[in-house]
Amino acid sequence: MAVAAALVLSACSTDTGLPSPTATPRTTVVIIGDSLSTGHGTSPADAWPNLVENDPAFQQYQATIVNAAQDGSGYVSIGNGGSTFGSQVVQSVTSDARLVLFFGSENDMGSPPGQTELAASQAFAAAKEHAPRAAILVVGPPAYRSTPEQECLDIRDEDKAAALKAGAEFVDPIELGWIVDDVANLIGPDGDHPSVAGQHYLQAHMEALMEPMIKRPLPQ
């Protein structure tokens, strides 16, 4: 019986003397945004955050995309479900986030001067509190013509000021000319939201911005 028991124990043992493999930790990216990131006008499956998550090339980073964006939201503007960019941060950003990406929002046009900058500063501070080691990338609102409305420029400037004060990376789609050269193809029939081609356009641009930030060593 003792011999039999020893044989059973030997057969069941998984100790090979080698360290057990450790699963590669996934990279969590949280998207804070408005209807430009929800697939409004196309579908959630076509939304650029979903395209990024399902891009085989991008999956070398083992990325999980948490898309917290809600239609109508902004730093000040209240969107679906009472959502603002600040509330999206509180609800969706956790300590394991590697990158928090803010995108938009023209929905803040019409806000009193300075209010968007204040709300943006509060949202960035909340992101740092919830994910102290995460990088923060702020992408301002795009415009679809070479001479944008002054209100849109004002919102862009307030977003930029808050981002720079917070030590966040700021990217200006207006200055970079996103979409302007191909509006008919990249923007849908409503004249405001990306078409399927536009979602793929945003996917490519966002991946190019996200990749170097994900590659950075985490702060100690």
C-alpha atoms as a PDB file:
ATOM      1  CA  MET A   1       0.000   0.000   0.000  1.00  0.00           C
ATOM      2  CA  ALA A   2       2.822   2.393   0.824  1.00  0.00           C
ATOM      3  CA  VAL A   3       4.401   1.752  -2.579  1.00  0.00           C
ATOM      4  CA  ALA A   4       1.062   2.315  -4.314  1.00  0.00           C
ATOM      5  CA  ALA A   5       0.515   5.564  -2.462  1.00  0.00           C
ATOM      6  CA  ALA A   6       3.965   6.736  -3.445  1.00  0.00           C
ATOM      7  CA  LEU A   7       3.230   5.946  -7.092  1.00  0.00           C
ATOM      8  CA  VAL A   8      -0.035   7.900  -6.964  1.00  0.00           C
ATOM      9  CA  LEU A   9       1.672  10.905  -5.413  1.00  0.00           C
ATOM     10  CA  SER A  10       4.396  10.770  -8.041  1.00  0.00           C
ATOM     11  CA  ALA A  11       1.874  10.626 -10.874  1.00  0.00           C
ATOM     12  CA  CYS A  12      -0.118  13.594  -9.542  1.00  0.00           C
ATOM     13  CA  SER A  13       2.844  15.816  -8.773  1.00  0.00           C
ATOM     14  CA  THR A  14       3.241  18.912 -10.988  1.00  0.00           C
ATOM     15  CA  ASP A  15       6.540  20.013  -9.461  1.00  0.00           C
ATOM     16  CA  THR A  16       9.049  19.876 -12.308  1.00  0.00           C
ATOM     17  CA  GLY A  17      11.631  21.960 -10.542  1.00  0.00           C
ATOM     18  CA  LEU A  18      10.992  24.789 -13.063  1.00  0.00           C
ATOM     19  CA  PRO A  19       9.313  28.080 -12.201  1.00  0.00           C
ATOM     20  CA  SER A  20       5.664  28.121 -13.252  1.00  0.00           C
ATOM     21  CA  PRO A  21       4.925  30.483 -16.157  1.00  0.00           C
ATOM     22  CA  THR A  22       3.495  33.859 -15.240  1.00  0.00           C
ATOM     23  CA  ALA A  23       0.736  35.289 -17.398  1.00  0.00           C
ATOM     24  CA  THR A  24       1.677  38.511 -19.179  1.00  0.00           C
ATOM     25  CA  PRO A  25      -0.173  41.336 -17.441  1.00  0.00           C
ATOM     26  CA  ARG A  26      -2.661  43.118 -19.654  1.00  0.00           C
ATOM     27  CA  THR A  27      -2.361  46.823 -20.390  1.00  0.00           C
ATOM     28  CA  THR A  28      -5.480  48.728 -19.374  1.00  0.00           C
ATOM     29  CA  VAL A  29      -6.315  51.846 -21.374  1.00  0.00           C
ATOM     30  CA  VAL A  30      -9.317  53.947 -20.376  1.00  0.00           C
ATOM     31  CA  ILE A  31     -11.016  56.163 -22.955  1.00  0.00           C
ATOM     32  CA  ILE A  32     -12.797  59.255 -21.625  1.00  0.00           C
ATOM     33  CA  GLY A  33     -14.896  60.958 -24.248  1.00  0.00           C
ATOM     34  CA  ASP A  34     -18.068  61.871 -26.064  1.00  0.00           C
ATOM     35  CA  SER A  35     -20.007  60.612 -29.087  1.00  0.00           C
ATOM     36  CA  LEU A  36     -16.885  60.711 -31.265  1.00  0.00           C
ATOM     37  CA  SER A  37     -15.741  57.658 -29.285  1.00  0.00           C
ATOM     38  CA  THR A  38     -19.019  55.742 -28.851  1.00  0.00           C
ATOM     39  CA  GLY A  39     -19.661  54.863 -32.495  1.00  0.00           C
ATOM     40  CA  HIS A  40     -22.596  57.285 -32.706  1.00  0.00           C
ATOM     41  CA  GLY A  41     -23.744  57.362 -36.320  1.00  0.00           C
ATOM     42  CA  THR A  42     -22.186  53.951 -37.016  1.00  0.00           C
ATOM     43  CA  SER A  43     -22.234  51.324 -34.235  1.00  0.00           C
ATOM     44  CA  PRO A  44     -20.355  50.495 -31.018  1.00  0.00           C
ATOM     45  CA  ALA A  45     -18.525  47.764 -32.940  1.00  0.00           C
ATOM     46  CA  ASP A  46     -17.269  50.389 -35.405  1.00  0.00           C
ATOM     47  CA  ALA A  47     -16.175  52.855 -32.705  1.00  0.00           C
ATOM     48  CA  TRP A  48     -12.450  53.524 -32.873  1.00  0.00           C
ATOM     49  CA  PRO A  49     -11.747  52.265 -29.295  1.00  0.00           C
ATOM     50  CA  ASN A  50     -13.261  48.891 -30.229  1.00  0.00           C
ATOM     51  CA  LEU A  51     -11.256  48.835 -33.461  1.00  0.00           C
ATOM     52  CA  VAL A  52      -8.072  49.471 -31.468  1.00  0.00           C
ATOM     53  CA  GLU A  53      -8.818  46.685 -29.009  1.00  0.00           C
ATOM     54  CA  ASN A  54      -9.452  44.220 -31.822  1.00  0.00           C
ATOM     55  CA  ASP A  55      -6.501  45.219 -33.978  1.00  0.00           C
ATOM     56  CA  PRO A  56      -4.154  42.188 -34.054  1.00  0.00           C
ATOM     57  CA  ALA A  57      -1.124  44.465 -34.465  1.00  0.00           C
ATOM     58  CA  PHE A  58      -2.042  46.463 -31.361  1.00  0.00           C
ATOM     59  CA  GLN A  59      -2.553  43.320 -29.313  1.00  0.00           C
ATOM     60  CA  GLN A  60       1.199  42.921 -28.947  1.00  0.00           C
ATOM     61  CA  TYR A  61       0.609  45.240 -25.975  1.00  0.00           C
ATOM     62  CA  GLN A  62      -1.997  42.904 -24.438  1.00  0.00           C
ATOM     63  CA  ALA A  63      -4.342  45.880 -24.308  1.00  0.00           C
ATOM     64  CA  THR A  64      -7.737  45.993 -22.680  1.00  0.00           C
ATOM     65  CA  ILE A  65      -9.630  49.100 -23.781  1.00  0.00           C
ATOM     66  CA  VAL A  66     -12.185  50.409 -21.292  1.00  0.00           C
ATOM     67  CA  ASN A  67     -14.395  52.767 -23.269  1.00  0.00           C
ATOM     68  CA  ALA A  68     -16.135  55.051 -20.758  1.00  0.00           C
ATOM     69  CA  ALA A  69     -17.259  57.603 -23.378  1.00  0.00           C
ATOM     70  CA  GLN A  70     -20.883  58.749 -23.410  1.00  0.00           C
ATOM     71  CA  ASP A  71     -22.827  60.731 -26.006  1.00  0.00           C
ATOM     72  CA  GLY A  72     -23.194  64.414 -25.161  1.00  0.00           C
ATOM     73  CA  SER A  73     -20.463  64.480 -22.523  1.00  0.00           C
ATOM     74  CA  GLY A  74     -17.688  67.001 -22.058  1.00  0.00           C
ATOM     75  CA  TYR A  75     -15.612  68.336 -19.226  1.00  0.00           C
ATOM     76  CA  VAL A  76     -18.580  70.605 -18.426  1.00  0.00           C
ATOM     77  CA  SER A  77     -21.317  69.270 -20.691  1.00  0.00           C
ATOM     78  CA  ILE A  78     -23.570  66.638 -19.112  1.00  0.00           C
ATOM     79  CA  GLY A  79     -24.257  63.713 -21.420  1.00  0.00           C
ATOM     80  CA  ASN A  80     -26.098  60.415 -21.296  1.00  0.00           C
ATOM     81  CA  GLY A  81     -26.714  59.122 -17.799  1.00  0.00           C
ATOM     82  CA  GLY A  82     -25.541  62.398 -16.277  1.00  0.00           C
ATOM     83  CA  SER A  83     -22.021  61.713 -17.543  1.00  0.00           C
ATOM     84  CA  THR A  84     -19.186  64.234 -17.695  1.00  0.00           C
ATOM     85  CA  PHE A  85     -15.529  63.496 -18.382  1.00  0.00           C
ATOM     86  CA  GLY A  86     -14.922  63.848 -14.655  1.00  0.00           C
ATOM     87  CA  SER A  87     -17.610  61.342 -13.700  1.00  0.00           C
ATOM     88  CA  GLN A  88     -16.325  58.914 -16.342  1.00  0.00           C
ATOM     89  CA  VAL A  89     -12.940  59.043 -14.632  1.00  0.00           C
ATOM     90  CA  VAL A  90     -14.435  58.336 -11.214  1.00  0.00           C
ATOM     91  CA  GLN A  91     -16.513  55.437 -12.529  1.00  0.00           C
ATOM     92  CA  SER A  92     -13.990  53.781 -14.844  1.00  0.00           C
ATOM     93  CA  VAL A  93     -10.364  54.609 -13.997  1.00  0.00           C
ATOM     94  CA  THR A  94      -8.761  52.126 -11.603  1.00  0.00           C
ATOM     95  CA  SER A  95      -5.277  51.822 -10.155  1.00  0.00           C
ATOM     96  CA  ASP A  96      -4.175  49.293 -12.801  1.00  0.00           C
ATOM     97  CA  ALA A  97      -4.720  51.723 -15.703  1.00  0.00           C
ATOM     98  CA  ARG A  98      -1.602  52.233 -17.817  1.00  0.00           C
ATOM     99  CA  LEU A  99      -3.026  55.087 -19.905  1.00  0.00           C
ATOM    100  CA  VAL A 100      -6.021  57.412 -19.572  1.00  0.00           C
ATOM    101  CA  LEU A 101      -6.937  59.046 -22.887  1.00  0.00           C
ATOM    102  CA  PHE A 102      -9.291  62.042 -22.976  1.00  0.00           C
ATOM    103  CA  PHE A 103     -10.804  62.990 -26.359  1.00  0.00           C
ATOM    104  CA  GLY A 104     -12.919  66.122 -26.992  1.00  0.00           C
ATOM    105  CA  SER A 105     -15.176  67.887 -26.501  1.00  0.00           C
ATOM    106  CA  GLU A 106     -16.957  70.395 -28.682  1.00  0.00           C
ATOM    107  CA  ASN A 107     -19.953  69.791 -26.413  1.00  0.00           C
ATOM    108  CA  ASP A 108     -18.361  72.285 -24.011  1.00  0.00           C
ATOM    109  CA  MET A 109     -18.817  75.116 -26.512  1.00  0.00           C
ATOM    110  CA  GLY A 110     -20.944  77.799 -24.906  1.00  0.00           C
ATOM    111  CA  SER A 111     -19.611  77.217 -21.409  1.00  0.00           C
ATOM    112  CA  PRO A 112     -18.613  80.344 -19.458  1.00  0.00           C
ATOM    113  CA  PRO A 113     -14.968  81.330 -19.977  1.00  0.00           C
ATOM    114  CA  GLY A 114     -12.637  79.406 -17.699  1.00  0.00           C
ATOM    115  CA  GLN A 115     -15.200  76.797 -16.687  1.00  0.00           C
ATOM    116  CA  THR A 116     -13.919  74.158 -19.098  1.00  0.00           C
ATOM    117  CA  GLU A 117     -10.330  74.641 -17.969  1.00  0.00           C
ATOM    118  CA  LEU A 118     -11.389  74.270 -14.336  1.00  0.00           C
ATOM    119  CA  ALA A 119     -13.456  71.137 -15.020  1.00  0.00           C
ATOM    120  CA  ALA A 120     -10.644  69.658 -17.128  1.00  0.00           C
ATOM    121  CA  SER A 121      -8.120  70.312 -14.354  1.00  0.00           C
ATOM    122  CA  GLN A 122     -10.393  68.515 -11.906  1.00  0.00           C
ATOM    123  CA  ALA A 123     -10.814  65.552 -14.279  1.00  0.00           C
ATOM    124  CA  PHE A 124      -7.043  65.207 -14.767  1.00  0.00           C
ATOM    125  CA  ALA A 125      -6.469  65.424 -11.012  1.00  0.00           C
ATOM    126  CA  ALA A 126      -9.048  62.676 -10.478  1.00  0.00           C
ATOM    127  CA  ALA A 127      -7.320  60.492 -13.074  1.00  0.00           C
ATOM    128  CA  LYS A 128      -4.010  60.904 -11.234  1.00  0.00           C
ATOM    129  CA  GLU A 129      -5.680  60.073  -7.943  1.00  0.00           C
ATOM    130  CA  HIS A 130      -7.347  56.919  -9.253  1.00  0.00           C
ATOM    131  CA  ALA A 131      -4.352  55.743 -11.305  1.00  0.00           C
ATOM    132  CA  PRO A 132      -1.168  57.373  -9.943  1.00  0.00           C
ATOM    133  CA  ARG A 133       1.122  55.480 -12.320  1.00  0.00           C
ATOM    134  CA  ALA A 134      -0.919  55.993 -15.483  1.00  0.00           C
ATOM    135  CA  ALA A 135       0.090  58.283 -18.316  1.00  0.00           C
ATOM    136  CA  ILE A 136      -2.500  60.893 -19.265  1.00  0.00           C
ATOM    137  CA  LEU A 137      -3.059  61.794 -22.906  1.00  0.00           C
ATOM    138  CA  VAL A 138      -5.393  64.677 -23.740  1.00  0.00           C
ATOM    139  CA  VAL A 139      -6.626  64.961 -27.338  1.00  0.00           C
ATOM    140  CA  GLY A 140      -8.520  68.159 -27.977  1.00  0.00           C
ATOM    141  CA  PRO A 141     -11.659  68.515 -30.083  1.00  0.00           C
ATOM    142  CA  PRO A 142     -11.274  68.216 -33.861  1.00  0.00           C
ATOM    143  CA  ALA A 143     -12.728  70.663 -36.374  1.00  0.00           C
ATOM    144  CA  TYR A 144     -13.928  69.899 -39.865  1.00  0.00           C
ATOM    145  CA  ARG A 145     -12.891  73.086 -41.588  1.00  0.00           C
ATOM    146  CA  SER A 146      -9.667  75.048 -41.876  1.00  0.00           C
ATOM    147  CA  THR A 147     -11.142  78.067 -40.063  1.00  0.00           C
ATOM    148  CA  PRO A 148     -12.907  76.622 -36.989  1.00  0.00           C
ATOM    149  CA  GLU A 149     -15.436  78.524 -34.927  1.00  0.00           C
ATOM    150  CA  GLN A 150     -13.824  80.730 -32.312  1.00  0.00           C
ATOM    151  CA  GLU A 151     -15.766  78.915 -29.584  1.00  0.00           C
ATOM    152  CA  CYS A 152     -14.156  75.640 -30.651  1.00  0.00           C
ATOM    153  CA  LEU A 153     -10.725  77.257 -30.539  1.00  0.00           C
ATOM    154  CA  ASP A 154     -11.477  78.658 -27.099  1.00  0.00           C
ATOM    155  CA  ILE A 155     -12.412  75.203 -25.787  1.00  0.00           C
ATOM    156  CA  ARG A 156      -9.265  73.757 -27.354  1.00  0.00           C
ATOM    157  CA  ASP A 157      -7.180  76.414 -25.632  1.00  0.00           C
ATOM    158  CA  GLU A 158      -8.760  75.739 -22.231  1.00  0.00           C
ATOM    159  CA  ASP A 159      -8.243  71.977 -22.632  1.00  0.00           C
ATOM    160  CA  LYS A 160      -4.605  72.584 -23.546  1.00  0.00           C
ATOM    161  CA  ALA A 161      -3.981  74.950 -20.635  1.00  0.00           C
ATOM    162  CA  ALA A 162      -5.388  72.446 -18.137  1.00  0.00           C
ATOM    163  CA  ALA A 163      -3.442  69.556 -19.661  1.00  0.00           C
ATOM    164  CA  LEU A 164      -0.127  71.407 -19.568  1.00  0.00           C
ATOM    165  CA  LYS A 165      -0.692  72.487 -15.964  1.00  0.00           C
ATOM    166  CA  ALA A 166      -1.379  68.845 -15.063  1.00  0.00           C
ATOM    167  CA  GLY A 167       1.773  67.636 -16.787  1.00  0.00           C
ATOM    168  CA  ALA A 168      -0.283  65.656 -19.311  1.00  0.00           C
ATOM    169  CA  GLU A 169       0.488  65.153 -22.976  1.00  0.00           C
ATOM    170  CA  PHE A 170      -1.694  67.360 -25.207  1.00  0.00           C
ATOM    171  CA  VAL A 171      -2.448  66.686 -28.871  1.00  0.00           C
ATOM    172  CA  ASP A 172      -4.293  69.244 -30.997  1.00  0.00           C
ATOM    173  CA  PRO A 173      -6.284  67.718 -33.904  1.00  0.00           C
ATOM    174  CA  ILE A 174      -7.088  71.223 -35.163  1.00  0.00           C
ATOM    175  CA  GLU A 175      -3.434  72.196 -35.498  1.00  0.00           C
ATOM    176  CA  LEU A 176      -2.624  68.810 -37.018  1.00  0.00           C
ATOM    177  CA  GLY A 177      -5.447  69.118 -39.556  1.00  0.00           C
ATOM    178  CA  TRP A 178      -7.223  65.894 -38.679  1.00  0.00           C
ATOM    179  CA  ILE A 179     -10.165  65.097 -40.986  1.00  0.00           C
ATOM    180  CA  VAL A 180     -10.195  68.510 -42.720  1.00  0.00           C
ATOM    181  CA  ASP A 181      -8.831  67.254 -46.045  1.00  0.00           C
ATOM    182  CA  ASP A 182     -11.380  64.448 -46.448  1.00  0.00           C
ATOM    183  CA  VAL A 183     -14.555  65.491 -44.629  1.00  0.00           C
ATOM    184  CA  ALA A 184     -16.924  63.999 -47.211  1.00  0.00           C
ATOM    185  CA  ASN A 185     -15.448  60.530 -46.691  1.00  0.00           C
ATOM    186  CA  LEU A 186     -14.595  60.644 -42.981  1.00  0.00           C
ATOM    187  CA  ILE A 187     -17.726  62.301 -41.569  1.00  0.00           C
ATOM    188  CA  GLY A 188     -21.183  60.719 -41.786  1.00  0.00           C
ATOM    189  CA  PRO A 189     -24.456  62.123 -43.129  1.00  0.00           C
ATOM    190  CA  ASP A 190     -25.177  64.107 -39.955  1.00  0.00           C
ATOM    191  CA  GLY A 191     -22.119  66.249 -40.655  1.00  0.00           C
ATOM    192  CA  ASP A 192     -20.783  65.747 -37.138  1.00  0.00           C
ATOM    193  CA  HIS A 193     -19.891  62.119 -36.378  1.00  0.00           C
ATOM    194  CA  PRO A 194     -17.312  59.884 -38.047  1.00  0.00           C
ATOM    195  CA  SER A 195     -18.341  57.480 -40.768  1.00  0.00           C
ATOM    196  CA  VAL A 196     -16.978  53.936 -40.714  1.00  0.00           C
ATOM    197  CA  ALA A 197     -13.998  55.246 -42.684  1.00  0.00           C
ATOM    198  CA  GLY A 198     -13.681  58.054 -40.142  1.00  0.00           C
ATOM    199  CA  GLN A 199     -13.608  55.592 -37.262  1.00  0.00           C
ATOM    200  CA  HIS A 200     -10.760  53.713 -38.941  1.00  0.00           C
ATOM    201  CA  TYR A 201      -9.004  57.050 -39.491  1.00  0.00           C
ATOM    202  CA  LEU A 202      -9.274  57.823 -35.774  1.00  0.00           C
ATOM    203  CA  GLN A 203      -8.129  54.302 -34.903  1.00  0.00           C
ATOM    204  CA  ALA A 204      -4.912  54.773 -36.868  1.00  0.00           C
ATOM    205  CA  HIS A 205      -4.215  58.203 -35.390  1.00  0.00           C
ATOM    206  CA  MET A 206      -5.006  57.149 -31.823  1.00  0.00           C
ATOM    207  CA  GLU A 207      -2.868  54.013 -32.051  1.00  0.00           C
ATOM    208  CA  ALA A 208       0.059  56.138 -33.242  1.00  0.00           C
ATOM    209  CA  LEU A 209      -0.386  58.356 -30.165  1.00  0.00           C
ATOM    210  CA  MET A 210      -0.995  55.545 -27.694  1.00  0.00           C
ATOM    211  CA  GLU A 211       1.820  53.172 -28.625  1.00  0.00           C
ATOM    212  CA  PRO A 212       4.797  55.267 -27.434  1.00  0.00           C
ATOM    213  CA  MET A 213       2.987  56.088 -24.186  1.00  0.00           C
ATOM    214  CA  ILE A 214       2.250  52.428 -23.493  1.00  0.00           C
ATOM    215  CA  LYS A 215       5.888  51.530 -24.198  1.00  0.00           C
ATOM    216  CA  ARG A 216       7.196  53.956 -21.576  1.00  0.00           C
ATOM    217  CA  PRO A 217       8.472  52.347 -18.387  1.00  0.00           C
ATOM    218  CA  LEU A 218       6.037  52.701 -15.528  1.00  0.00           C
ATOM    219  CA  PRO A 219       7.126  55.221 -12.887  1.00  0.00           C
ATOM    220  CA  GLN A 220       8.341  53.616  -9.681  1.00  0.00           C
END
